[in-house]
Protein backbone atom coordinates (compact mmCIF):
# COMPACT_ATOMS: atom_id res chain seq x y z
CA MET A 1 -25.92 26.63 -3.55
CA PHE A 2 -23.54 23.50 -1.89
CA HIS A 3 -22.97 23.60 1.36
CA ARG A 4 -20.32 21.75 3.32
CA GLN A 5 -20.51 21.40 7.23
CA GLY A 6 -22.40 24.30 7.18
CA GLN A 7 -20.14 26.56 4.61
CA HIS A 8 -21.47 28.18 2.12
CA LEU A 9 -19.25 27.32 -1.23
CA GLY A 10 -20.49 29.62 -3.37
CA ASP A 11 -23.13 29.11 -6.16
CA PRO A 12 -21.95 26.70 -8.89
CA LEU A 13 -23.04 28.41 -11.82
CA GLN A 14 -21.03 31.34 -10.99
CA ARG A 15 -17.75 29.86 -11.37
CA PRO A 16 -15.62 29.34 -14.97
CA GLY A 17 -16.03 26.65 -16.42
CA ALA A 18 -18.81 24.92 -14.27
CA LEU A 19 -21.34 24.90 -16.70
CA LEU A 20 -22.20 21.92 -19.71
CA ASP A 21 -23.76 22.92 -22.82
CA ARG A 22 -26.88 21.49 -21.27
CA GLY A 23 -26.97 24.35 -18.99
CA ARG A 24 -26.41 21.62 -16.03
CA PRO A 25 -23.55 22.34 -13.29
CA GLY A 26 -20.05 19.58 -13.72
CA LEU A 27 -18.70 17.96 -11.33
CA ARG A 28 -15.14 19.06 -12.81
CA ASP A 29 -13.90 20.76 -9.56
CA VAL A 30 -14.49 17.60 -7.57
CA ARG A 31 -11.26 16.48 -5.26
CA LEU A 32 -12.54 13.89 -3.37
CA VAL A 33 -15.53 11.22 -4.16
CA LEU A 34 -15.83 9.58 -0.68
CA GLY A 35 -17.50 5.83 -0.89
CA SER A 36 -19.31 4.63 1.90
CA GLY A 37 -21.30 1.66 3.09
CA GLY A 38 -20.98 -2.73 3.05
CA VAL A 39 -21.85 -2.70 -0.98
CA LEU A 40 -18.22 -0.67 -1.73
CA ARG A 41 -16.34 -2.08 1.33
CA HIS A 42 -16.83 -5.25 0.91
CA GLY A 43 -17.85 -5.69 -3.12
CA GLY A 44 -14.58 -3.77 -5.07
CA GLY A 45 -15.56 -0.34 -3.83
CA ASP A 46 -12.51 1.10 -5.88
CA THR A 47 -13.68 -0.23 -9.06
CA VAL A 48 -17.09 0.94 -8.40
CA LEU A 49 -15.92 4.15 -7.36
CA GLN A 50 -13.78 4.56 -10.88
CA ALA A 51 -16.82 3.58 -12.81
CA VAL A 52 -18.98 6.49 -11.00
CA LEU A 53 -15.48 8.47 -11.88
CA ALA A 54 -16.45 8.00 -15.58
CA ASP A 55 -19.63 8.20 -15.88
CA VAL A 56 -21.53 10.73 -18.13
CA GLY A 57 -24.39 9.45 -18.56
CA GLY A 58 -27.36 12.01 -17.45
CA GLY A 59 -25.17 15.13 -19.00
CA TRP A 60 -23.01 15.29 -15.98
CA ALA A 61 -19.65 16.29 -16.74
CA PRO A 62 -17.38 14.02 -14.19
CA PRO A 63 -14.33 14.93 -11.77
CA GLU A 64 -11.34 15.08 -13.86
CA ARG A 65 -8.59 14.77 -10.81
CA ALA A 66 -10.86 13.30 -7.99
CA ARG A 67 -9.49 11.06 -5.86
CA ALA A 68 -11.40 8.07 -4.94
CA LEU A 69 -11.30 6.71 -1.52
CA VAL A 70 -13.27 3.95 0.18
CA ASP A 71 -14.83 4.47 3.89
CA GLN A 72 -13.69 1.08 5.14
CA GLN A 73 -14.09 2.09 8.83
CA TYR A 74 -17.48 3.70 8.57
CA ILE A 75 -16.28 6.73 10.16
CA VAL A 76 -18.30 9.72 7.97
CA ALA A 77 -21.41 8.36 9.49
CA ALA A 78 -19.78 9.20 13.14
CA ALA A 79 -18.58 12.19 11.59
CA GLY A 80 -22.07 13.50 10.24
CA LEU A 81 -23.08 12.29 14.13
CA LEU A 82 -20.85 14.77 15.69
CA ALA A 83 -21.23 17.61 13.48
CA ALA A 84 -23.83 19.38 14.32
CA ASP A 85 -22.79 19.65 18.35
CA HIS A 86 -18.75 18.91 17.87
CA PRO A 87 -17.80 20.15 14.54
CA ASP A 88 -13.99 20.22 15.37
CA VAL A 89 -14.21 16.88 16.63
CA ALA A 90 -15.49 15.31 13.67
CA THR A 91 -13.07 17.33 11.32
CA ARG A 92 -10.41 15.47 13.30
CA LEU A 93 -12.10 12.47 13.41
CA LEU A 94 -12.07 12.47 9.16
CA GLY A 95 -8.82 14.09 9.23
CA ASN A 96 -7.15 10.75 10.91
CA SER A 97 -9.34 8.44 9.38
CA ILE A 98 -9.25 9.51 5.19
CA ARG A 99 -6.14 9.29 3.82
């Protein structure tokens, strides 16, 4: 089961087309890949994330139409800390920073 900010998103094994031949759930439906950290921010993060999106090693189906963004302001960690007690603030913070 996948969770996002406490919301149950459903069992990926029950979605059509979610399984690969090996029986593993795929990542085809992922819409956003957000990288965070100094290596990505200062070391060609866009190139690194594009390589991750194209990697089929390990048998996982990569996302088909995901946007790749780098957390340039290190805002994801702050939003994560706020999310438990102030989910609306965390959501607004991310909405204003991640575009």
